[in-house]
Amino acid sequence: MAIGLAFLMVTLLVQTAMLVVARTSAEAATAQAARRASFADMDIDIETSLVETLLATVPGAREVSVSIHDEGSVTVISRVEWTPPGPDFLGLTFTVSASAGRIEAP
């Protein structure tokens, strides 16, 4: 009984730590995409680039959706379906957003 409880506690601790790493990675990638999208003359597909970056850098990311809103300032919202390492007690979906002011040539 004690060994099973210890295993459960270690599993939850590892999953919590990996969730923190995944969320931090998603926040960094989303903030970087918002800064890239804030340039007025950028001619790249930021949504596709962000999805690829999130899938590559967020450990346990199963599915990613991204939306970019441009209303004076650029807001990027990323939703990540996350599966923890080890036993999948429950999958989580977390949302990260970042904003950056629009940069235009004088």
PDB file of N, CA and C in Angstrom:
ATOM      1  N   MET A   1       0.822  -1.192   0.000  1.00  0.00           N
ATOM      2  CA  MET A   1       0.000   0.000   0.000  1.00  0.00           C
ATOM      3  C   MET A   1       0.867   1.257   0.000  1.00  0.00           C
ATOM      4  N   ALA A   2       1.877   1.293   0.834  1.00  0.00           N
ATOM      5  CA  ALA A   2       2.745   2.471   0.921  1.00  0.00           C
ATOM      6  C   ALA A   2       3.549   2.651  -0.362  1.00  0.00           C
ATOM      7  N   ILE A   3       3.964   1.563  -0.964  1.00  0.00           N
ATOM      8  CA  ILE A   3       4.730   1.657  -2.213  1.00  0.00           C
ATOM      9  C   ILE A   3       3.837   2.184  -3.332  1.00  0.00           C
ATOM     10  N   GLY A   4       2.615   1.707  -3.388  1.00  0.00           N
ATOM     11  CA  GLY A   4       1.678   2.198  -4.396  1.00  0.00           C
ATOM     12  C   GLY A   4       1.381   3.679  -4.228  1.00  0.00           C
ATOM     13  N   LEU A   5       1.223   4.116  -2.984  1.00  0.00           N
ATOM     14  CA  LEU A   5       0.987   5.526  -2.713  1.00  0.00           C
ATOM     15  C   LEU A   5       2.208   6.367  -3.074  1.00  0.00           C
ATOM     16  N   ALA A   6       3.393   5.857  -2.771  1.00  0.00           N
ATOM     17  CA  ALA A   6       4.629   6.566  -3.128  1.00  0.00           C
ATOM     18  C   ALA A   6       4.757   6.675  -4.646  1.00  0.00           C
ATOM     19  N   PHE A   7       4.428   5.598  -5.367  1.00  0.00           N
ATOM     20  CA  PHE A   7       4.476   5.628  -6.828  1.00  0.00           C
ATOM     21  C   PHE A   7       3.511   6.670  -7.379  1.00  0.00           C
ATOM     22  N   LEU A   8       2.318   6.719  -6.819  1.00  0.00           N
ATOM     23  CA  LEU A   8       1.322   7.691  -7.262  1.00  0.00           C
ATOM     24  C   LEU A   8       1.799   9.120  -7.010  1.00  0.00           C
ATOM     25  N   MET A   9       2.390   9.356  -5.863  1.00  0.00           N
ATOM     26  CA  MET A   9       2.886  10.701  -5.536  1.00  0.00           C
ATOM     27  C   MET A   9       4.025  11.113  -6.466  1.00  0.00           C
ATOM     28  N   VAL A  10       4.949  10.201  -6.754  1.00  0.00           N
ATOM     29  CA  VAL A  10       6.059  10.510  -7.661  1.00  0.00           C
ATOM     30  C   VAL A  10       5.534  10.775  -9.067  1.00  0.00           C
ATOM     31  N   THR A  11       4.556   9.992  -9.495  1.00  0.00           N
ATOM     32  CA  THR A  11       3.968  10.187 -10.820  1.00  0.00           C
ATOM     33  C   THR A  11       3.311  11.562 -10.927  1.00  0.00           C
ATOM     34  N   LEU A  12       2.554  11.935  -9.933  1.00  0.00           N
ATOM     35  CA  LEU A  12       1.908  13.255  -9.947  1.00  0.00           C
ATOM     36  C   LEU A  12       2.931  14.381  -9.890  1.00  0.00           C
ATOM     37  N   LEU A  13       4.001  14.194  -9.132  1.00  0.00           N
ATOM     38  CA  LEU A  13       5.057  15.209  -9.057  1.00  0.00           C
ATOM     39  C   LEU A  13       5.736  15.394 -10.415  1.00  0.00           C
ATOM     40  N   VAL A  14       6.043  14.284 -11.086  1.00  0.00           N
ATOM     41  CA  VAL A  14       6.684  14.365 -12.402  1.00  0.00           C
ATOM     42  C   VAL A  14       5.749  15.006 -13.419  1.00  0.00           C
ATOM     43  N   GLN A  15       4.474  14.633 -13.380  1.00  0.00           N
ATOM     44  CA  GLN A  15       3.525  15.207 -14.325  1.00  0.00           C
ATOM     45  C   GLN A  15       3.327  16.701 -14.086  1.00  0.00           C
ATOM     46  N   THR A  16       3.321  17.117 -12.843  1.00  0.00           N
ATOM     47  CA  THR A  16       3.201  18.537 -12.541  1.00  0.00           C
ATOM     48  C   THR A  16       4.421  19.307 -13.033  1.00  0.00           C
ATOM     49  N   ALA A  17       5.598  18.741 -12.826  1.00  0.00           N
ATOM     50  CA  ALA A  17       6.819  19.396 -13.303  1.00  0.00           C
ATOM     51  C   ALA A  17       6.834  19.491 -14.821  1.00  0.00           C
ATOM     52  N   MET A  18       6.393  18.452 -15.505  1.00  0.00           N
ATOM     53  CA  MET A  18       6.362  18.486 -16.973  1.00  0.00           C
ATOM     54  C   MET A  18       5.312  19.468 -17.483  1.00  0.00           C
ATOM     55  N   LEU A  19       4.214  19.633 -16.757  1.00  0.00           N
ATOM     56  CA  LEU A  19       3.215  20.627 -17.148  1.00  0.00           C
ATOM     57  C   LEU A  19       3.794  22.035 -17.047  1.00  0.00           C
ATOM     58  N   VAL A  20       4.580  22.283 -16.017  1.00  0.00           N
ATOM     59  CA  VAL A  20       5.218  23.598 -15.872  1.00  0.00           C
ATOM     60  C   VAL A  20       6.187  23.841 -17.028  1.00  0.00           C
ATOM     61  N   VAL A  21       6.964  22.824 -17.390  1.00  0.00           N
ATOM     62  CA  VAL A  21       7.897  22.957 -18.512  1.00  0.00           C
ATOM     63  C   VAL A  21       7.128  23.191 -19.814  1.00  0.00           C
ATOM     64  N   ALA A  22       6.055  22.442 -20.029  1.00  0.00           N
ATOM     65  CA  ALA A  22       5.268  22.591 -21.256  1.00  0.00           C
ATOM     66  C   ALA A  22       4.644  23.975 -21.350  1.00  0.00           C
ATOM     67  N   ARG A  23       4.081  24.455 -20.259  1.00  0.00           N
ATOM     68  CA  ARG A  23       3.442  25.766 -20.278  1.00  0.00           C
ATOM     69  C   ARG A  23       4.467  26.880 -20.476  1.00  0.00           C
ATOM     70  N   THR A  24       5.630  26.758 -19.853  1.00  0.00           N
ATOM     71  CA  THR A  24       6.675  27.759 -20.015  1.00  0.00           C
ATOM     72  C   THR A  24       7.169  27.790 -21.464  1.00  0.00           C
ATOM     73  N   SER A  25       7.326  26.626 -22.073  1.00  0.00           N
ATOM     74  CA  SER A  25       7.731  26.559 -23.478  1.00  0.00           C
ATOM     75  C   SER A  25       6.681  27.196 -24.380  1.00  0.00           C
ATOM     76  N   ALA A  26       5.418  26.929 -24.098  1.00  0.00           N
ATOM     77  CA  ALA A  26       4.340  27.507 -24.903  1.00  0.00           C
ATOM     78  C   ALA A  26       4.279  29.022 -24.731  1.00  0.00           C
ATOM     79  N   GLU A  27       4.491  29.509 -23.517  1.00  0.00           N
ATOM     80  CA  GLU A  27       4.490  30.960 -23.293  1.00  0.00           C
ATOM     81  C   GLU A  27       5.618  31.643 -24.067  1.00  0.00           C
ATOM     82  N   ALA A  28       6.800  31.044 -24.056  1.00  0.00           N
ATOM     83  CA  ALA A  28       7.933  31.636 -24.774  1.00  0.00           C
ATOM     84  C   ALA A  28       7.687  31.653 -26.280  1.00  0.00           C
ATOM     85  N   ALA A  29       7.187  30.553 -26.826  1.00  0.00           N
ATOM     86  CA  ALA A  29       6.934  30.492 -28.269  1.00  0.00           C
ATOM     87  C   ALA A  29       5.820  31.449 -28.688  1.00  0.00           C
ATOM     88  N   THR A  30       4.788  31.572 -27.870  1.00  0.00           N
ATOM     89  CA  THR A  30       3.675  32.467 -28.188  1.00  0.00           C
ATOM     90  C   THR A  30       4.110  33.931 -28.115  1.00  0.00           C
ATOM     91  N   ALA A  31       4.904  34.277 -27.127  1.00  0.00           N
ATOM     92  CA  ALA A  31       5.396  35.655 -27.021  1.00  0.00           C
ATOM     93  C   ALA A  31       6.290  36.004 -28.204  1.00  0.00           C
ATOM     94  N   GLN A  32       7.106  35.054 -28.624  1.00  0.00           N
ATOM     95  CA  GLN A  32       7.977  35.288 -29.774  1.00  0.00           C
ATOM     96  C   GLN A  32       7.148  35.470 -31.046  1.00  0.00           C
ATOM     97  N   ALA A  33       6.083  34.690 -31.198  1.00  0.00           N
ATOM     98  CA  ALA A  33       5.215  34.833 -32.372  1.00  0.00           C
ATOM     99  C   ALA A  33       4.495  36.180 -32.363  1.00  0.00           C
ATOM    100  N   ALA A  34       4.099  36.652 -31.197  1.00  0.00           N
ATOM    101  CA  ALA A  34       3.441  37.965 -31.114  1.00  0.00           C
ATOM    102  C   ALA A  34       4.395  39.074 -31.528  1.00  0.00           C
ATOM    103  N   ARG A  35       5.657  38.971 -31.103  1.00  0.00           N
ATOM    104  CA  ARG A  35       6.638  39.989 -31.511  1.00  0.00           C
ATOM    105  C   ARG A  35       6.872  39.941 -33.017  1.00  0.00           C
ATOM    106  N   ARG A  36       6.939  38.737 -33.595  1.00  0.00           N
ATOM    107  CA  ARG A  36       7.130  38.621 -35.047  1.00  0.00           C
ATOM    108  C   ARG A  36       5.930  39.158 -35.808  1.00  0.00           C
ATOM    109  N   ALA A  37       4.728  38.916 -35.292  1.00  0.00           N
ATOM    110  CA  ALA A  37       3.513  39.360 -35.973  1.00  0.00           C
ATOM    111  C   ALA A  37       3.311  40.864 -35.860  1.00  0.00           C
ATOM    112  N   SER A  38       3.998  41.506 -34.929  1.00  0.00           N
ATOM    113  CA  SER A  38       3.784  42.948 -34.720  1.00  0.00           C
ATOM    114  C   SER A  38       4.423  43.808 -35.798  1.00  0.00           C
ATOM    115  N   PHE A  39       5.353  43.257 -36.578  1.00  0.00           N
ATOM    116  CA  PHE A  39       5.954  44.018 -37.671  1.00  0.00           C
ATOM    117  C   PHE A  39       4.964  44.110 -38.817  1.00  0.00           C
ATOM    118  N   ALA A  40       4.736  45.307 -39.328  1.00  0.00           N
ATOM    119  CA  ALA A  40       3.702  45.533 -40.334  1.00  0.00           C
ATOM    120  C   ALA A  40       4.001  44.860 -41.672  1.00  0.00           C
ATOM    121  N   ASP A  41       5.260  44.763 -42.046  1.00  0.00           N
ATOM    122  CA  ASP A  41       5.596  44.262 -43.371  1.00  0.00           C
ATOM    123  C   ASP A  41       6.047  42.801 -43.383  1.00  0.00           C
ATOM    124  N   MET A  42       5.796  42.079 -42.333  1.00  0.00           N
ATOM    125  CA  MET A  42       6.196  40.670 -42.304  1.00  0.00           C
ATOM    126  C   MET A  42       5.328  39.894 -43.292  1.00  0.00           C
ATOM    127  N   ASP A  43       5.962  39.071 -44.097  1.00  0.00           N
ATOM    128  CA  ASP A  43       5.243  38.339 -45.130  1.00  0.00           C
ATOM    129  C   ASP A  43       5.409  36.834 -44.923  1.00  0.00           C
ATOM    130  N   ILE A  44       5.334  36.385 -43.698  1.00  0.00           N
ATOM    131  CA  ILE A  44       5.484  34.961 -43.408  1.00  0.00           C
ATOM    132  C   ILE A  44       4.208  34.444 -42.747  1.00  0.00           C
ATOM    133  N   ASP A  45       4.030  33.158 -42.794  1.00  0.00           N
ATOM    134  CA  ASP A  45       2.856  32.534 -42.190  1.00  0.00           C
ATOM    135  C   ASP A  45       3.179  32.227 -40.730  1.00  0.00           C
ATOM    136  N   ILE A  46       2.840  33.149 -39.863  1.00  0.00           N
ATOM    137  CA  ILE A  46       3.199  33.034 -38.448  1.00  0.00           C
ATOM    138  C   ILE A  46       2.401  31.930 -37.768  1.00  0.00           C
ATOM    139  N   GLU A  47       1.148  31.740 -38.150  1.00  0.00           N
ATOM    140  CA  GLU A  47       0.332  30.700 -37.513  1.00  0.00           C
ATOM    141  C   GLU A  47       0.928  29.316 -37.742  1.00  0.00           C
ATOM    142  N   THR A  48       1.279  28.998 -38.980  1.00  0.00           N
ATOM    143  CA  THR A  48       1.871  27.694 -39.283  1.00  0.00           C
ATOM    144  C   THR A  48       3.206  27.530 -38.580  1.00  0.00           C
ATOM    145  N   SER A  49       3.994  28.580 -38.582  1.00  0.00           N
ATOM    146  CA  SER A  49       5.296  28.535 -37.912  1.00  0.00           C
ATOM    147  C   SER A  49       5.137  28.305 -36.411  1.00  0.00           C
ATOM    148  N   LEU A  50       4.153  28.956 -35.795  1.00  0.00           N
ATOM    149  CA  LEU A  50       3.934  28.784 -34.358  1.00  0.00           C
ATOM    150  C   LEU A  50       3.441  27.381 -34.031  1.00  0.00           C
ATOM    151  N   VAL A  51       2.547  26.848 -34.844  1.00  0.00           N
ATOM    152  CA  VAL A  51       2.070  25.480 -34.611  1.00  0.00           C
ATOM    153  C   VAL A  51       3.234  24.497 -34.675  1.00  0.00           C
ATOM    154  N   GLU A  52       4.088  24.637 -35.690  1.00  0.00           N
ATOM    155  CA  GLU A  52       5.248  23.750 -35.810  1.00  0.00           C
ATOM    156  C   GLU A  52       6.193  23.913 -34.620  1.00  0.00           C
ATOM    157  N   THR A  53       6.404  25.157 -34.188  1.00  0.00           N
ATOM    158  CA  THR A  53       7.280  25.405 -33.045  1.00  0.00           C
ATOM    159  C   THR A  53       6.716  24.803 -31.773  1.00  0.00           C
ATOM    160  N   LEU A  54       5.410  24.969 -31.543  1.00  0.00           N
ATOM    161  CA  LEU A  54       4.793  24.425 -30.340  1.00  0.00           C
ATOM    162  C   LEU A  54       4.845  22.900 -30.325  1.00  0.00           C
ATOM    163  N   LEU A  55       4.563  22.272 -31.454  1.00  0.00           N
ATOM    164  CA  LEU A  55       4.612  20.816 -31.501  1.00  0.00           C
ATOM    165  C   LEU A  55       6.034  20.291 -31.286  1.00  0.00           C
ATOM    166  N   ALA A  56       7.034  21.067 -31.715  1.00  0.00           N
ATOM    167  CA  ALA A  56       8.419  20.637 -31.563  1.00  0.00           C
ATOM    168  C   ALA A  56       8.981  20.906 -30.168  1.00  0.00           C
ATOM    169  N   THR A  57       8.523  21.965 -29.517  1.00  0.00           N
ATOM    170  CA  THR A  57       9.161  22.368 -28.259  1.00  0.00           C
ATOM    171  C   THR A  57       8.361  22.064 -27.000  1.00  0.00           C
ATOM    172  N   VAL A  58       7.058  21.901 -27.119  1.00  0.00           N
ATOM    173  CA  VAL A  58       6.250  21.625 -25.925  1.00  0.00           C
ATOM    174  C   VAL A  58       6.175  20.117 -25.725  1.00  0.00           C
ATOM    175  N   PRO A  59       6.785  19.620 -24.644  1.00  0.00           N
ATOM    176  CA  PRO A  59       6.753  18.173 -24.423  1.00  0.00           C
ATOM    177  C   PRO A  59       5.335  17.700 -24.104  1.00  0.00           C
ATOM    178  N   GLY A  60       4.876  16.690 -24.824  1.00  0.00           N
ATOM    179  CA  GLY A  60       3.547  16.134 -24.583  1.00  0.00           C
ATOM    180  C   GLY A  60       2.427  16.806 -25.347  1.00  0.00           C
ATOM    181  N   ALA A  61       2.742  17.735 -26.253  1.00  0.00           N
ATOM    182  CA  ALA A  61       1.695  18.414 -27.025  1.00  0.00           C
ATOM    183  C   ALA A  61       1.108  17.449 -28.042  1.00  0.00           C
ATOM    184  N   ARG A  62      -0.208  17.260 -27.977  1.00  0.00           N
ATOM    185  CA  ARG A  62      -0.887  16.394 -28.933  1.00  0.00           C
ATOM    186  C   ARG A  62      -1.464  17.183 -30.083  1.00  0.00           C
ATOM    187  N   GLU A  63      -2.168  18.239 -29.750  1.00  0.00           N
ATOM    188  CA  GLU A  63      -2.807  19.063 -30.777  1.00  0.00           C
ATOM    189  C   GLU A  63      -2.690  20.525 -30.364  1.00  0.00           C
ATOM    190  N   VAL A  64      -2.482  21.367 -31.359  1.00  0.00           N
ATOM    191  CA  VAL A  64      -2.264  22.787 -31.106  1.00  0.00           C
ATOM    192  C   VAL A  64      -3.163  23.590 -32.031  1.00  0.00           C
ATOM    193  N   SER A  65      -3.793  24.626 -31.488  1.00  0.00           N
ATOM    194  CA  SER A  65      -4.526  25.572 -32.334  1.00  0.00           C
ATOM    195  C   SER A  65      -4.056  26.979 -31.985  1.00  0.00           C
ATOM    196  N   VAL A  66      -3.978  27.808 -33.007  1.00  0.00           N
ATOM    197  CA  VAL A  66      -3.427  29.157 -32.856  1.00  0.00           C
ATOM    198  C   VAL A  66      -4.372  30.146 -33.520  1.00  0.00           C
ATOM    199  N   SER A  67      -4.561  31.296 -32.878  1.00  0.00           N
ATOM    200  CA  SER A  67      -5.306  32.383 -33.515  1.00  0.00           C
ATOM    201  C   SER A  67      -4.557  33.688 -33.267  1.00  0.00           C
ATOM    202  N   ILE A  68      -4.579  34.536 -34.286  1.00  0.00           N
ATOM    203  CA  ILE A  68      -3.905  35.836 -34.215  1.00  0.00           C
ATOM    204  C   ILE A  68      -4.945  36.916 -34.472  1.00  0.00           C
ATOM    205  N   HIS A  69      -5.021  37.868 -33.540  1.00  0.00           N
ATOM    206  CA  HIS A  69      -5.966  38.983 -33.648  1.00  0.00           C
ATOM    207  C   HIS A  69      -5.165  40.270 -33.769  1.00  0.00           C
ATOM    208  N   ASP A  70      -5.521  41.078 -34.759  1.00  0.00           N
ATOM    209  CA  ASP A  70      -4.811  42.331 -35.001  1.00  0.00           C
ATOM    210  C   ASP A  70      -5.795  43.482 -34.872  1.00  0.00           C
ATOM    211  N   GLU A  71      -5.835  44.078 -33.692  1.00  0.00           N
ATOM    212  CA  GLU A  71      -6.736  45.203 -33.430  1.00  0.00           C
ATOM    213  C   GLU A  71      -5.942  46.317 -32.762  1.00  0.00           C
ATOM    214  N   GLY A  72      -5.102  46.963 -33.505  1.00  0.00           N
ATOM    215  CA  GLY A  72      -4.228  47.989 -32.938  1.00  0.00           C
ATOM    216  C   GLY A  72      -2.955  47.385 -32.387  1.00  0.00           C
ATOM    217  N   SER A  73      -3.103  46.375 -31.558  1.00  0.00           N
ATOM    218  CA  SER A  73      -1.952  45.588 -31.128  1.00  0.00           C
ATOM    219  C   SER A  73      -2.222  44.137 -31.525  1.00  0.00           C
ATOM    220  N   VAL A  74      -1.182  43.369 -31.634  1.00  0.00           N
ATOM    221  CA  VAL A  74      -1.307  41.981 -32.072  1.00  0.00           C
ATOM    222  C   VAL A  74      -1.433  41.087 -30.844  1.00  0.00           C
ATOM    223  N   THR A  75      -2.458  40.246 -30.827  1.00  0.00           N
ATOM    224  CA  THR A  75      -2.634  39.270 -29.755  1.00  0.00           C
ATOM    225  C   THR A  75      -2.606  37.880 -30.361  1.00  0.00           C
ATOM    226  N   VAL A  76      -1.748  37.026 -29.823  1.00  0.00           N
ATOM    227  CA  VAL A  76      -1.626  35.653 -30.280  1.00  0.00           C
ATOM    228  C   VAL A  76      -2.125  34.745 -29.156  1.00  0.00           C
ATOM    229  N   ILE A  77      -3.038  33.850 -29.491  1.00  0.00           N
ATOM    230  CA  ILE A  77      -3.593  32.917 -28.517  1.00  0.00           C
ATOM    231  C   ILE A  77      -3.281  31.498 -28.988  1.00  0.00           C
ATOM    232  N   SER A  78      -2.679  30.711 -28.115  1.00  0.00           N
ATOM    233  CA  SER A  78      -2.336  29.320 -28.418  1.00  0.00           C
ATOM    234  C   SER A  78      -3.072  28.408 -27.453  1.00  0.00           C
ATOM    235  N   ARG A  79      -3.718  27.374 -27.990  1.00  0.00           N
ATOM    236  CA  ARG A  79      -4.358  26.354 -27.170  1.00  0.00           C
ATOM    237  C   ARG A  79      -3.645  25.035 -27.424  1.00  0.00           C
ATOM    238  N   VAL A  80      -3.182  24.409 -26.352  1.00  0.00           N
ATOM    239  CA  VAL A  80      -2.393  23.185 -26.475  1.00  0.00           C
ATOM    240  C   VAL A  80      -3.098  22.064 -25.724  1.00  0.00           C
ATOM    241  N   GLU A  81      -3.385  20.965 -26.435  1.00  0.00           N
ATOM    242  CA  GLU A  81      -3.856  19.747 -25.775  1.00  0.00           C
ATOM    243  C   GLU A  81      -2.621  18.993 -25.336  1.00  0.00           C
ATOM    244  N   TRP A  82      -2.527  18.743 -24.033  1.00  0.00           N
ATOM    245  CA  TRP A  82      -1.307  18.206 -23.455  1.00  0.00           C
ATOM    246  C   TRP A  82      -1.576  16.854 -22.825  1.00  0.00           C
ATOM    247  N   THR A  83      -0.695  15.906 -23.100  1.00  0.00           N
ATOM    248  CA  THR A  83      -0.746  14.586 -22.496  1.00  0.00           C
ATOM    249  C   THR A  83       0.458  14.437 -21.583  1.00  0.00           C
ATOM    250  N   PRO A  84       0.243  14.086 -20.320  1.00  0.00           N
ATOM    251  CA  PRO A  84       1.374  13.965 -19.400  1.00  0.00           C
ATOM    252  C   PRO A  84       2.216  12.733 -19.714  1.00  0.00           C
ATOM    253  N   PRO A  85       3.485  12.746 -19.287  1.00  0.00           N
ATOM    254  CA  PRO A  85       4.306  11.550 -19.448  1.00  0.00           C
ATOM    255  C   PRO A  85       3.829  10.468 -18.478  1.00  0.00           C
ATOM    256  N   GLY A  86       4.048   9.234 -18.841  1.00  0.00           N
ATOM    257  CA  GLY A  86       3.628   8.142 -17.958  1.00  0.00           C
ATOM    258  C   GLY A  86       2.150   7.862 -18.120  1.00  0.00           C
ATOM    259  N   PRO A  87       1.525   7.379 -17.063  1.00  0.00           N
ATOM    260  CA  PRO A  87       0.092   7.071 -17.156  1.00  0.00           C
ATOM    261  C   PRO A  87      -0.721   8.330 -17.431  1.00  0.00           C
ATOM    262  N   ASP A  88      -1.643   8.224 -18.360  1.00  0.00           N
ATOM    263  CA  ASP A  88      -2.467   9.370 -18.749  1.00  0.00           C
ATOM    264  C   ASP A  88      -3.695   9.411 -17.844  1.00  0.00           C
ATOM    265  N   PHE A  89      -3.540  10.056 -16.672  1.00  0.00           N
ATOM    266  CA  PHE A  89      -4.666  10.173 -15.754  1.00  0.00           C
ATOM    267  C   PHE A  89      -5.739  11.066 -16.354  1.00  0.00           C
ATOM    268  N   LEU A  90      -5.331  12.186 -16.890  1.00  0.00           N
ATOM    269  CA  LEU A  90      -6.255  13.062 -17.585  1.00  0.00           C
ATOM    270  C   LEU A  90      -5.453  13.980 -18.487  1.00  0.00           C
ATOM    271  N   GLY A  91      -5.976  14.164 -19.688  1.00  0.00           N
ATOM    272  CA  GLY A  91      -5.347  15.108 -20.594  1.00  0.00           C
ATOM    273  C   GLY A  91      -5.816  16.511 -20.255  1.00  0.00           C
ATOM    274  N   LEU A  92      -4.964  17.464 -20.474  1.00  0.00           N
ATOM    275  CA  LEU A  92      -5.297  18.848 -20.159  1.00  0.00           C
ATOM    276  C   LEU A  92      -5.203  19.699 -21.414  1.00  0.00           C
ATOM    277  N   THR A  93      -5.948  20.766 -21.428  1.00  0.00           N
ATOM    278  CA  THR A  93      -5.827  21.785 -22.468  1.00  0.00           C
ATOM    279  C   THR A  93      -5.537  23.098 -21.764  1.00  0.00           C
ATOM    280  N   PHE A  94      -4.425  23.721 -22.151  1.00  0.00           N
ATOM    281  CA  PHE A  94      -4.135  25.025 -21.563  1.00  0.00           C
ATOM    282  C   PHE A  94      -4.006  26.056 -22.670  1.00  0.00           C
ATOM    283  N   THR A  95      -4.309  27.295 -22.302  1.00  0.00           N
ATOM    284  CA  THR A  95      -4.313  28.407 -23.236  1.00  0.00           C
ATOM    285  C   THR A  95      -3.283  29.437 -22.802  1.00  0.00           C
ATOM    286  N   VAL A  96      -2.518  29.903 -23.769  1.00  0.00           N
ATOM    287  CA  VAL A  96      -1.487  30.911 -23.515  1.00  0.00           C
ATOM    288  C   VAL A  96      -1.726  32.058 -24.490  1.00  0.00           C
ATOM    289  N   SER A  97      -1.620  33.283 -24.004  1.00  0.00           N
ATOM    290  CA  SER A  97      -1.763  34.424 -24.911  1.00  0.00           C
ATOM    291  C   SER A  97      -0.646  35.414 -24.678  1.00  0.00           C
ATOM    292  N   ALA A  98      -0.313  36.152 -25.730  1.00  0.00           N
ATOM    293  CA  ALA A  98       0.708  37.191 -25.654  1.00  0.00           C
ATOM    294  C   ALA A  98       0.313  38.320 -26.591  1.00  0.00           C
ATOM    295  N   SER A  99       0.675  39.531 -26.214  1.00  0.00           N
ATOM    296  CA  SER A  99       0.352  40.705 -27.028  1.00  0.00           C
ATOM    297  C   SER A  99       1.607  41.520 -27.294  1.00  0.00           C
ATOM    298  N   ALA A 100       1.596  42.204 -28.411  1.00  0.00           N
ATOM    299  CA  ALA A 100       2.695  43.104 -28.763  1.00  0.00           C
ATOM    300  C   ALA A 100       2.104  44.256 -29.566  1.00  0.00           C
ATOM    301  N   GLY A 101       2.641  45.440 -29.350  1.00  0.00           N
ATOM    302  CA  GLY A 101       2.187  46.614 -30.086  1.00  0.00           C
ATOM    303  C   GLY A 101       2.598  46.546 -31.542  1.00  0.00           C
ATOM    304  N   ARG A 102       1.759  47.040 -32.411  1.00  0.00           N
ATOM    305  CA  ARG A 102       2.024  47.042 -33.847  1.00  0.00           C
ATOM    306  C   ARG A 102       3.191  47.982 -34.141  1.00  0.00           C
ATOM    307  N   ILE A 103       4.150  47.521 -34.914  1.00  0.00           N
ATOM    308  CA  ILE A 103       5.326  48.317 -35.289  1.00  0.00           C
ATOM    309  C   ILE A 103       5.209  48.657 -36.763  1.00  0.00           C
ATOM    310  N   GLU A 104       5.194  49.946 -37.061  1.00  0.00           N
ATOM    311  CA  GLU A 104       5.079  50.393 -38.452  1.00  0.00           C
ATOM    312  C   GLU A 104       6.191  51.377 -38.764  1.00  0.00           C
ATOM    313  N   ALA A 105       6.553  51.410 -40.020  1.00  0.00           N
ATOM    314  CA  ALA A 105       7.599  52.341 -40.463  1.00  0.00           C
ATOM    315  C   ALA A 105       7.095  53.775 -40.334  1.00  0.00           C
ATOM    316  N   PRO A 106       7.983  54.682 -39.979  1.00  0.00           N
ATOM    317  CA  PRO A 106       7.559  56.098 -39.842  1.00  0.00           C
ATOM    318  C   PRO A 106       7.222  56.722 -41.171  1.00  0.00           C
TER     319      PRO A 106
END
